[in-house]
Amino acid sequence: MSEQSDKLENFERAFDCNVSSCRGTCNCGQRFFDYENTYDWEPGELEKLKALETHGKATGVPYGIGFVRFEGKEYVNSCDCWHKRAEQIIGFIDGHARRIAKYLTLEKKRLQSIADEAPVVEEPK
């Protein structure tokens, strides 16, 4: 694998929604469905998806449909539409790694200060 594909894989792992489904619609509008595993499909649902596939309006895959979420949008991980934007974000992260780490450290301190100032509520004994 190339370095870029390794980075894209790491990005996908970091932004994975950790859910899968028998079907899903990507942010770009493309539908995906798992044609291999057994699901409780509605009557005729799988057949409709297979018909849409013949017209390029759906894509069947032999595995559960997973999702990635970033910038407030949800994408099907099997779709390539999100790769270009992810590569731009990876470039930003890589180019500003020290500043991002500094920002996260400062945010941790700020949030810890808020938590430290919060009143302690003790459970009745």
N, C-alpha and C. Protein backbone atom coordinates (compact mmCIF):
# COMPACT_ATOMS: atom_id res chain seq x y z
N MET A 1 0.84 -1.19 0.00
CA MET A 1 0.00 0.00 0.00
C MET A 1 0.88 1.25 0.00
N SER A 2 0.34 2.32 -0.54
CA SER A 2 1.08 3.58 -0.56
C SER A 2 0.86 4.32 0.75
N GLU A 3 1.72 5.29 0.98
CA GLU A 3 1.59 6.10 2.20
C GLU A 3 0.23 6.80 2.22
N GLN A 4 -0.20 7.33 1.06
CA GLN A 4 -1.48 8.04 1.00
C GLN A 4 -2.64 7.10 1.31
N SER A 5 -2.61 5.89 0.79
CA SER A 5 -3.72 4.96 1.08
C SER A 5 -3.69 4.52 2.54
N ASP A 6 -2.48 4.40 3.12
CA ASP A 6 -2.38 4.09 4.55
C ASP A 6 -2.99 5.21 5.38
N LYS A 7 -2.70 6.46 4.99
CA LYS A 7 -3.26 7.61 5.72
C LYS A 7 -4.78 7.66 5.58
N LEU A 8 -5.27 7.37 4.37
CA LEU A 8 -6.72 7.37 4.16
C LEU A 8 -7.38 6.28 4.99
N GLU A 9 -6.73 5.13 5.09
CA GLU A 9 -7.26 4.05 5.93
C GLU A 9 -7.29 4.48 7.40
N ASN A 10 -6.25 5.14 7.86
CA ASN A 10 -6.23 5.63 9.25
C ASN A 10 -7.31 6.68 9.48
N PHE A 11 -7.52 7.55 8.49
CA PHE A 11 -8.58 8.56 8.59
C PHE A 11 -9.93 7.86 8.72
N GLU A 12 -10.15 6.87 7.87
CA GLU A 12 -11.41 6.12 7.91
C GLU A 12 -11.61 5.46 9.27
N ARG A 13 -10.57 4.87 9.80
CA ARG A 13 -10.66 4.22 11.12
C ARG A 13 -10.96 5.25 12.22
N ALA A 14 -10.35 6.44 12.12
CA ALA A 14 -10.54 7.46 13.14
C ALA A 14 -11.96 8.05 13.10
N PHE A 15 -12.54 8.15 11.92
CA PHE A 15 -13.85 8.79 11.78
C PHE A 15 -14.97 7.78 11.51
N ASP A 16 -14.69 6.51 11.72
CA ASP A 16 -15.68 5.45 11.55
C ASP A 16 -16.80 5.62 12.57
N CYS A 17 -18.02 5.44 12.13
CA CYS A 17 -19.18 5.56 13.04
C CYS A 17 -19.38 4.31 13.90
N ASN A 18 -18.66 3.25 13.60
CA ASN A 18 -18.76 1.99 14.35
C ASN A 18 -20.16 1.40 14.33
N VAL A 19 -20.84 1.58 13.21
CA VAL A 19 -22.14 0.93 12.99
C VAL A 19 -22.14 0.39 11.57
N SER A 20 -22.93 -0.64 11.36
CA SER A 20 -23.10 -1.14 10.00
C SER A 20 -24.56 -1.50 9.80
N SER A 21 -24.92 -1.62 8.54
CA SER A 21 -26.31 -1.85 8.19
C SER A 21 -26.36 -2.69 6.92
N CYS A 22 -27.54 -3.15 6.59
CA CYS A 22 -27.72 -3.89 5.34
C CYS A 22 -27.80 -2.94 4.15
N ARG A 23 -28.05 -1.67 4.40
CA ARG A 23 -28.15 -0.67 3.35
C ARG A 23 -27.84 0.70 3.91
N GLY A 24 -27.49 1.61 3.02
CA GLY A 24 -27.21 2.98 3.45
C GLY A 24 -27.10 3.88 2.25
N THR A 25 -27.41 5.15 2.46
CA THR A 25 -27.29 6.15 1.40
C THR A 25 -26.18 7.10 1.79
N CYS A 26 -25.22 7.27 0.90
CA CYS A 26 -24.08 8.14 1.13
C CYS A 26 -24.52 9.60 1.03
N ASN A 27 -23.73 10.49 1.58
CA ASN A 27 -24.01 11.92 1.49
C ASN A 27 -24.14 12.38 0.03
N CYS A 28 -23.46 11.72 -0.88
CA CYS A 28 -23.52 12.08 -2.30
C CYS A 28 -24.81 11.59 -2.97
N GLY A 29 -25.59 10.76 -2.27
CA GLY A 29 -26.85 10.26 -2.80
C GLY A 29 -26.80 8.82 -3.29
N GLN A 30 -25.61 8.26 -3.47
CA GLN A 30 -25.49 6.87 -3.93
C GLN A 30 -25.95 5.91 -2.84
N ARG A 31 -26.74 4.92 -3.24
CA ARG A 31 -27.23 3.90 -2.31
C ARG A 31 -26.31 2.69 -2.36
N PHE A 32 -26.11 2.08 -1.21
CA PHE A 32 -25.31 0.86 -1.11
C PHE A 32 -26.13 -0.17 -0.35
N PHE A 33 -25.92 -1.44 -0.70
CA PHE A 33 -26.62 -2.50 0.02
C PHE A 33 -25.75 -3.75 0.04
N ASP A 34 -25.94 -4.54 1.08
CA ASP A 34 -25.23 -5.81 1.25
C ASP A 34 -26.10 -6.89 0.63
N TYR A 35 -25.65 -7.45 -0.48
CA TYR A 35 -26.44 -8.48 -1.16
C TYR A 35 -26.12 -9.90 -0.69
N GLU A 36 -25.09 -10.06 0.13
CA GLU A 36 -24.64 -11.41 0.47
C GLU A 36 -25.19 -11.95 1.79
N ASN A 37 -25.27 -11.12 2.79
CA ASN A 37 -25.69 -11.59 4.11
C ASN A 37 -27.20 -11.59 4.23
N THR A 38 -27.68 -12.37 5.17
CA THR A 38 -29.12 -12.51 5.37
C THR A 38 -29.62 -11.42 6.31
N TYR A 39 -30.65 -10.72 5.87
CA TYR A 39 -31.27 -9.66 6.67
C TYR A 39 -32.78 -9.84 6.62
N ASP A 40 -33.46 -9.10 7.45
CA ASP A 40 -34.92 -9.11 7.46
C ASP A 40 -35.39 -7.99 6.53
N TRP A 41 -35.23 -8.22 5.21
CA TRP A 41 -35.62 -7.22 4.22
C TRP A 41 -37.14 -7.11 4.17
N GLU A 42 -37.63 -5.93 3.87
CA GLU A 42 -39.05 -5.76 3.60
C GLU A 42 -39.36 -6.52 2.31
N PRO A 43 -40.58 -6.96 2.13
CA PRO A 43 -40.91 -7.69 0.89
C PRO A 43 -40.58 -6.84 -0.35
N GLY A 44 -39.77 -7.40 -1.24
CA GLY A 44 -39.41 -6.72 -2.48
C GLY A 44 -38.29 -5.70 -2.37
N GLU A 45 -37.83 -5.42 -1.15
CA GLU A 45 -36.81 -4.37 -0.96
C GLU A 45 -35.49 -4.72 -1.63
N LEU A 46 -35.00 -5.91 -1.43
CA LEU A 46 -33.73 -6.32 -2.02
C LEU A 46 -33.83 -6.33 -3.55
N GLU A 47 -34.94 -6.79 -4.07
CA GLU A 47 -35.14 -6.82 -5.51
C GLU A 47 -35.13 -5.40 -6.09
N LYS A 48 -35.74 -4.45 -5.38
CA LYS A 48 -35.74 -3.06 -5.84
C LYS A 48 -34.32 -2.49 -5.85
N LEU A 49 -33.54 -2.81 -4.82
CA LEU A 49 -32.16 -2.33 -4.79
C LEU A 49 -31.34 -2.94 -5.92
N LYS A 50 -31.55 -4.23 -6.21
CA LYS A 50 -30.84 -4.87 -7.31
C LYS A 50 -31.24 -4.25 -8.65
N ALA A 51 -32.51 -3.88 -8.79
CA ALA A 51 -32.97 -3.22 -10.02
C ALA A 51 -32.33 -1.83 -10.15
N LEU A 52 -32.23 -1.11 -9.04
CA LEU A 52 -31.57 0.20 -9.07
C LEU A 52 -30.10 0.05 -9.45
N GLU A 53 -29.49 -1.06 -9.03
CA GLU A 53 -28.09 -1.30 -9.33
C GLU A 53 -27.87 -1.42 -10.85
N THR A 54 -28.81 -2.02 -11.55
CA THR A 54 -28.65 -2.17 -13.00
C THR A 54 -28.69 -0.83 -13.71
N HIS A 55 -29.24 0.19 -13.06
CA HIS A 55 -29.30 1.54 -13.64
C HIS A 55 -28.25 2.47 -13.04
N GLY A 56 -27.33 1.91 -12.23
CA GLY A 56 -26.27 2.73 -11.64
C GLY A 56 -26.71 3.60 -10.48
N LYS A 57 -27.89 3.32 -9.93
CA LYS A 57 -28.42 4.14 -8.84
C LYS A 57 -28.23 3.48 -7.47
N ALA A 58 -27.59 2.32 -7.45
CA ALA A 58 -27.27 1.62 -6.21
C ALA A 58 -26.06 0.74 -6.48
N THR A 59 -25.37 0.41 -5.40
CA THR A 59 -24.19 -0.45 -5.50
C THR A 59 -24.31 -1.57 -4.48
N GLY A 60 -24.28 -2.80 -4.96
CA GLY A 60 -24.31 -3.95 -4.08
C GLY A 60 -22.89 -4.37 -3.70
N VAL A 61 -22.70 -4.70 -2.45
CA VAL A 61 -21.40 -5.15 -1.95
C VAL A 61 -21.61 -6.40 -1.09
N PRO A 62 -20.58 -7.25 -0.97
CA PRO A 62 -20.74 -8.50 -0.21
C PRO A 62 -20.40 -8.36 1.27
N TYR A 63 -20.74 -7.25 1.87
CA TYR A 63 -20.44 -7.03 3.29
C TYR A 63 -21.37 -5.94 3.83
N GLY A 64 -21.45 -5.84 5.15
CA GLY A 64 -22.28 -4.83 5.79
C GLY A 64 -21.82 -3.42 5.42
N ILE A 65 -22.76 -2.50 5.35
CA ILE A 65 -22.48 -1.12 4.97
C ILE A 65 -22.05 -0.34 6.21
N GLY A 66 -20.84 0.22 6.16
CA GLY A 66 -20.32 1.03 7.25
C GLY A 66 -20.35 2.50 6.88
N PHE A 67 -20.13 3.35 7.87
CA PHE A 67 -20.23 4.78 7.67
C PHE A 67 -19.07 5.52 8.31
N VAL A 68 -18.68 6.64 7.71
CA VAL A 68 -17.73 7.57 8.31
C VAL A 68 -18.44 8.92 8.41
N ARG A 69 -18.10 9.65 9.46
CA ARG A 69 -18.73 10.96 9.67
C ARG A 69 -17.64 11.98 9.96
N PHE A 70 -17.67 13.07 9.21
CA PHE A 70 -16.79 14.21 9.49
C PHE A 70 -17.41 15.45 8.86
N GLU A 71 -17.08 16.59 9.42
CA GLU A 71 -17.63 17.88 9.00
C GLU A 71 -19.15 17.88 8.96
N GLY A 72 -19.75 17.13 9.89
CA GLY A 72 -21.21 17.10 10.00
C GLY A 72 -21.91 16.30 8.92
N LYS A 73 -21.18 15.54 8.13
CA LYS A 73 -21.78 14.75 7.06
C LYS A 73 -21.46 13.28 7.26
N GLU A 74 -22.38 12.43 6.81
CA GLU A 74 -22.19 10.99 6.94
C GLU A 74 -22.05 10.38 5.55
N TYR A 75 -21.00 9.58 5.39
CA TYR A 75 -20.69 8.94 4.12
C TYR A 75 -20.67 7.44 4.30
N VAL A 76 -21.00 6.71 3.24
CA VAL A 76 -20.82 5.26 3.24
C VAL A 76 -19.34 5.02 2.99
N ASN A 77 -18.74 4.20 3.84
CA ASN A 77 -17.29 4.00 3.71
C ASN A 77 -16.90 3.32 2.40
N SER A 78 -17.82 2.64 1.74
CA SER A 78 -17.54 1.99 0.46
C SER A 78 -17.53 2.97 -0.72
N CYS A 79 -18.03 4.17 -0.50
CA CYS A 79 -18.10 5.17 -1.55
C CYS A 79 -16.77 5.92 -1.62
N ASP A 80 -16.37 6.30 -2.82
CA ASP A 80 -15.12 7.04 -2.99
C ASP A 80 -15.32 8.55 -2.93
N CYS A 81 -16.53 9.03 -2.88
CA CYS A 81 -16.79 10.47 -2.99
C CYS A 81 -16.12 11.29 -1.89
N TRP A 82 -15.91 10.72 -0.73
CA TRP A 82 -15.37 11.46 0.41
C TRP A 82 -13.84 11.44 0.45
N HIS A 83 -13.21 10.66 -0.38
CA HIS A 83 -11.75 10.49 -0.31
C HIS A 83 -10.99 11.79 -0.58
N LYS A 84 -11.39 12.55 -1.59
CA LYS A 84 -10.67 13.79 -1.93
C LYS A 84 -10.70 14.77 -0.75
N ARG A 85 -11.88 14.95 -0.14
CA ARG A 85 -11.98 15.86 1.00
C ARG A 85 -11.18 15.33 2.18
N ALA A 86 -11.23 14.04 2.42
CA ALA A 86 -10.46 13.44 3.51
C ALA A 86 -8.97 13.67 3.29
N GLU A 87 -8.51 13.54 2.06
CA GLU A 87 -7.09 13.77 1.75
C GLU A 87 -6.69 15.22 2.03
N GLN A 88 -7.59 16.17 1.76
CA GLN A 88 -7.32 17.58 2.07
C GLN A 88 -7.23 17.78 3.59
N ILE A 89 -8.13 17.15 4.32
CA ILE A 89 -8.12 17.27 5.78
C ILE A 89 -6.86 16.63 6.34
N ILE A 90 -6.47 15.47 5.80
CA ILE A 90 -5.24 14.81 6.23
C ILE A 90 -4.05 15.74 6.01
N GLY A 91 -4.01 16.40 4.87
CA GLY A 91 -2.94 17.35 4.58
C GLY A 91 -2.90 18.47 5.59
N PHE A 92 -4.06 18.99 5.97
CA PHE A 92 -4.13 20.05 6.98
C PHE A 92 -3.62 19.53 8.33
N ILE A 93 -4.11 18.36 8.72
CA ILE A 93 -3.69 17.78 10.01
C ILE A 93 -2.19 17.56 10.03
N ASP A 94 -1.67 16.93 8.96
CA ASP A 94 -0.23 16.66 8.90
C ASP A 94 0.58 17.95 8.89
N GLY A 95 0.09 18.96 8.20
CA GLY A 95 0.82 20.22 8.09
C GLY A 95 0.78 21.07 9.35
N HIS A 96 -0.15 20.77 10.24
CA HIS A 96 -0.32 21.57 11.46
C HIS A 96 -0.35 20.70 12.71
N ALA A 97 0.29 19.55 12.66
CA ALA A 97 0.19 18.58 13.75
C ALA A 97 0.59 19.16 15.10
N ARG A 98 1.68 19.89 15.15
CA ARG A 98 2.12 20.45 16.44
C ARG A 98 1.12 21.48 16.96
N ARG A 99 0.60 22.31 16.07
CA ARG A 99 -0.37 23.32 16.51
C ARG A 99 -1.69 22.69 16.93
N ILE A 100 -2.08 21.65 16.24
CA ILE A 100 -3.30 20.93 16.63
C ILE A 100 -3.10 20.27 17.99
N ALA A 101 -1.94 19.67 18.20
CA ALA A 101 -1.65 19.06 19.51
C ALA A 101 -1.66 20.13 20.60
N LYS A 102 -1.09 21.29 20.30
CA LYS A 102 -1.09 22.39 21.28
C LYS A 102 -2.51 22.83 21.58
N TYR A 103 -3.32 22.99 20.54
CA TYR A 103 -4.72 23.38 20.72
C TYR A 103 -5.46 22.36 21.60
N LEU A 104 -5.29 21.07 21.31
CA LEU A 104 -5.97 20.04 22.10
C LEU A 104 -5.50 20.04 23.55
N THR A 105 -4.21 20.30 23.77
CA THR A 105 -3.69 20.39 25.13
C THR A 105 -4.30 21.58 25.86
N LEU A 106 -4.36 22.73 25.18
CA LEU A 106 -4.97 23.93 25.80
C LEU A 106 -6.45 23.71 26.08
N GLU A 107 -7.15 23.06 25.16
CA GLU A 107 -8.56 22.77 25.38
C GLU A 107 -8.76 21.82 26.55
N LYS A 108 -7.89 20.84 26.68
CA LYS A 108 -7.97 19.92 27.81
C LYS A 108 -7.83 20.68 29.12
N LYS A 109 -6.85 21.59 29.18
CA LYS A 109 -6.65 22.39 30.39
C LYS A 109 -7.86 23.25 30.68
N ARG A 110 -8.43 23.89 29.64
CA ARG A 110 -9.61 24.74 29.82
C ARG A 110 -10.79 23.92 30.34
N LEU A 111 -11.04 22.78 29.73
CA LEU A 111 -12.16 21.95 30.15
C LEU A 111 -11.94 21.34 31.52
N GLN A 112 -10.68 20.99 31.83
CA GLN A 112 -10.38 20.46 33.16
C GLN A 112 -10.63 21.52 34.22
N SER A 113 -10.29 22.78 33.90
CA SER A 113 -10.53 23.88 34.84
C SER A 113 -12.03 24.04 35.11
N ILE A 114 -12.83 23.94 34.08
CA ILE A 114 -14.29 24.02 34.25
C ILE A 114 -14.78 22.87 35.12
N ALA A 115 -14.28 21.67 34.84
CA ALA A 115 -14.68 20.50 35.63
C ALA A 115 -14.25 20.63 37.08
N ASP A 116 -13.04 21.16 37.31
CA ASP A 116 -12.54 21.32 38.67
C ASP A 116 -13.36 22.32 39.46
N GLU A 117 -13.94 23.32 38.79
CA GLU A 117 -14.73 24.34 39.47
C GLU A 117 -16.18 23.92 39.69
N ALA A 118 -16.60 22.85 39.09
CA ALA A 118 -17.97 22.39 39.24
C ALA A 118 -18.19 21.84 40.63
N PRO A 119 -19.37 22.06 41.19
CA PRO A 119 -19.63 21.53 42.54
C PRO A 119 -19.68 20.00 42.52
N VAL A 120 -19.27 19.42 43.61
CA VAL A 120 -19.31 17.97 43.75
C VAL A 120 -20.65 17.61 44.38
N VAL A 121 -21.35 16.74 43.74
CA VAL A 121 -22.64 16.26 44.25
C VAL A 121 -22.41 14.85 44.75
N GLU A 122 -22.60 14.68 46.04
CA GLU A 122 -22.35 13.36 46.60
C GLU A 122 -23.64 12.58 46.70
N GLU A 123 -23.54 11.31 46.47
CA GLU A 123 -24.67 10.41 46.57
C GLU A 123 -25.05 10.25 48.05
N PRO A 124 -26.33 10.22 48.37
CA PRO A 124 -26.72 9.95 49.76
C PRO A 124 -26.33 8.53 50.16
N LYS A 125 -25.91 8.40 51.39
CA LYS A 125 -25.49 7.10 51.89
C LYS A 125 -26.60 6.33 52.51
